[in-house]
């Protein structure tokens, strides 16, 4: 790590969704903060089967402002539904169904986490956060009430 790391107000270790979102919110709320994100991977790895629930959709759309991006780049879904059949059922409308009776007020999304993580990270950098990637943090020494060392 360069010696200049001591000149940051906030250092975030990990640039995926949580780290990048933290940096983005910090820079929006306090643009004067010097924020550094340290991300170990060169690119984010693929993850299969990731989905949001309503509360995370609220955060992603209302707080981070990703509504258009999520609608255009990921799959919209309305919860899970299951259909059960037996020997007497011949079409979907004859099957027993389990799932919510009403549509949720907030939709959820089936997401490609690698793409979503990258999008949030890029927005954090565009907001003024500094990114070190690929990089690792080591020799962390926390000093209560004083400067921290990484």
Protein backbone atom coordinates (compact mmCIF):
# COMPACT_ATOMS: atom_id res chain seq x y z
CA UNK A 1 0.00 0.00 0.00
CA UNK A 2 1.23 3.48 -0.72
CA UNK A 3 2.05 5.73 2.24
CA UNK A 4 -0.69 8.13 1.06
CA UNK A 5 -3.29 5.77 2.47
CA UNK A 6 -2.91 7.61 5.79
CA UNK A 7 -4.53 10.62 4.15
CA UNK A 8 -8.01 9.11 3.79
CA UNK A 9 -10.93 9.83 6.12
CA UNK A 10 -12.51 6.44 5.44
CA UNK A 11 -10.97 3.22 4.15
CA UNK A 12 -13.38 0.49 3.06
CA UNK A 13 -11.99 -3.01 2.68
CA UNK A 14 -14.04 -4.81 0.03
CA UNK A 15 -15.55 -3.19 -3.04
CA UNK A 16 -18.52 -5.47 -3.71
CA UNK A 17 -22.09 -4.42 -2.93
CA UNK A 18 -21.72 -3.56 0.77
CA UNK A 19 -18.42 -1.74 0.48
CA UNK A 20 -19.28 0.10 -2.72
CA UNK A 21 -22.74 1.08 -1.44
CA UNK A 22 -21.19 2.39 1.78
CA UNK A 23 -18.73 4.48 -0.20
CA UNK A 24 -21.47 5.78 -2.50
CA UNK A 25 -23.75 6.81 0.37
CA UNK A 26 -20.83 8.43 2.25
CA UNK A 27 -19.79 10.47 -0.79
CA UNK A 28 -23.38 11.59 -1.40
CA UNK A 29 -23.92 12.60 2.21
CA UNK A 30 -20.44 14.01 2.84
CA UNK A 31 -18.75 14.79 -0.49
CA UNK A 32 -15.72 16.29 1.25
CA UNK A 33 -14.75 12.92 2.78
CA UNK A 34 -11.72 11.24 1.27
CA UNK A 35 -12.89 7.65 0.78
CA UNK A 36 -10.66 4.78 -0.31
CA UNK A 37 -12.02 1.39 -1.42
CA UNK A 38 -9.60 -1.56 -1.37
CA UNK A 39 -10.86 -4.46 -3.54
CA UNK A 40 -8.83 -7.67 -3.80
CA UNK A 41 -10.30 -9.01 -7.05
CA UNK A 42 -9.45 -7.81 -10.52
CA UNK A 43 -13.04 -8.58 -11.57
CA UNK A 44 -16.02 -9.80 -9.56
CA UNK A 45 -16.79 -13.51 -9.89
CA UNK A 46 -20.10 -14.86 -11.11
CA UNK A 47 -22.68 -16.03 -8.58
CA UNK A 48 -25.71 -18.09 -9.52
CA UNK A 49 -29.23 -17.63 -8.18
CA UNK A 50 -28.91 -14.24 -6.50
CA UNK A 51 -32.15 -12.38 -5.90
CA UNK A 52 -33.30 -9.38 -3.95
CA UNK A 53 -36.13 -9.27 -1.46
CA UNK A 54 -38.38 -6.27 -1.03
CA UNK A 55 -36.29 -4.54 1.65
CA UNK A 56 -33.07 -4.83 -0.37
CA UNK A 57 -34.94 -3.66 -3.48
CA UNK A 58 -35.97 -0.57 -1.51
CA UNK A 59 -32.33 0.14 -0.64
CA UNK A 60 -31.08 -0.48 -4.19
CA UNK A 61 -33.82 1.56 -5.89
CA UNK A 62 -34.73 4.32 -3.44
CA UNK A 63 -31.43 4.89 -1.61
CA UNK A 64 -28.85 4.05 -4.29
CA UNK A 65 -31.03 5.13 -7.24
CA UNK A 66 -30.60 1.95 -9.30
CA UNK A 67 -34.23 1.61 -10.50
CA UNK A 68 -33.57 2.17 -14.20
CA UNK A 69 -30.40 0.08 -14.13
CA UNK A 70 -32.10 -2.87 -12.40
CA UNK A 71 -35.12 -2.75 -14.73
CA UNK A 72 -32.94 -2.62 -17.83
CA UNK A 73 -30.14 -5.01 -16.83
CA UNK A 74 -31.69 -7.62 -14.52
CA UNK A 75 -34.88 -9.71 -14.32
CA UNK A 76 -37.93 -8.36 -12.52
CA UNK A 77 -39.72 -10.94 -10.39
CA UNK A 78 -42.74 -11.00 -8.11
CA UNK A 79 -41.86 -13.44 -5.38
CA UNK A 80 -41.94 -17.19 -5.74
CA UNK A 81 -44.85 -19.32 -6.90
CA UNK A 82 -45.11 -23.09 -6.90
CA UNK A 83 -47.50 -25.29 -8.87
CA UNK A 84 -48.23 -28.88 -7.85
CA UNK A 85 -49.69 -31.53 -10.10
CA UNK A 86 -50.86 -35.14 -9.96
CA UNK A 87 -52.38 -37.75 -12.30
CA UNK A 88 -55.63 -35.80 -12.65
CA UNK A 89 -54.09 -32.48 -13.74
CA UNK A 90 -53.52 -31.82 -17.43
CA UNK A 91 -52.80 -28.10 -17.56
CA UNK A 92 -51.32 -25.40 -15.38
CA UNK A 93 -54.71 -23.92 -14.42
CA UNK A 94 -55.72 -27.30 -12.91
CA UNK A 95 -52.65 -27.44 -10.64
CA UNK A 96 -52.62 -26.48 -6.99
CA UNK A 97 -50.77 -23.21 -6.53
CA UNK A 98 -48.91 -21.75 -3.56
CA UNK A 99 -47.66 -18.16 -3.47
CA UNK A 100 -48.62 -14.65 -2.49
CA UNK A 101 -52.19 -13.59 -3.26
CA UNK A 102 -51.29 -9.95 -3.95
CA UNK A 103 -48.49 -8.29 -5.82
CA UNK A 104 -45.83 -6.78 -3.62
CA UNK A 105 -45.64 -2.98 -3.48
CA UNK A 106 -41.94 -3.26 -4.23
CA UNK A 107 -40.82 -5.72 -6.84
CA UNK A 108 -37.76 -7.87 -6.46
CA UNK A 109 -35.08 -8.76 -8.96
CA UNK A 110 -33.15 -11.80 -10.09
CA UNK A 111 -29.69 -10.26 -10.39
CA UNK A 112 -26.30 -10.97 -11.83
CA UNK A 113 -24.29 -10.08 -8.73
CA UNK A 114 -21.02 -9.58 -10.59
CA UNK A 115 -22.64 -6.94 -12.81
CA UNK A 116 -24.55 -5.35 -9.93
CA UNK A 117 -21.45 -5.16 -7.72
CA UNK A 118 -19.47 -3.59 -10.57
CA UNK A 119 -22.21 -1.03 -11.28
CA UNK A 120 -22.35 0.12 -7.65
CA UNK A 121 -18.54 0.25 -7.46
CA UNK A 122 -18.37 2.36 -10.63
CA UNK A 123 -20.97 4.74 -9.20
CA UNK A 124 -18.97 5.09 -5.97
CA UNK A 125 -15.84 5.96 -7.97
CA UNK A 126 -17.83 8.40 -10.12
CA UNK A 127 -19.02 10.03 -6.89
CA UNK A 128 -15.39 10.62 -5.91
CA UNK A 129 -14.22 7.54 -4.01
CA UNK A 130 -10.70 6.28 -4.80
CA UNK A 131 -10.35 2.63 -5.80
CA UNK A 132 -7.31 0.40 -5.35
CA UNK A 133 -7.87 -2.80 -7.36
CA UNK A 134 -6.57 -5.45 -7.20
CA UNK A 135 -5.14 -4.79 -3.75
CA UNK A 136 -5.02 -6.29 -0.30
CA UNK A 137 -5.15 -4.67 3.13
CA UNK A 138 -2.75 -5.90 5.77
CA UNK A 139 -1.10 -4.94 9.03
CA UNK A 140 -4.22 -3.20 10.26
CA UNK A 141 -3.67 -1.44 13.57
CA UNK A 142 -6.73 0.20 15.11
CA UNK A 143 -5.99 3.10 17.42
CA UNK A 144 -9.03 4.17 19.48
CA UNK A 145 -9.51 7.91 19.14
CA UNK A 146 -6.54 8.35 16.83
CA UNK A 147 -5.40 7.69 13.28
CA UNK A 148 -5.77 4.12 12.04
CA UNK A 149 -2.97 2.34 10.18
CA UNK A 150 -3.36 -0.03 7.22
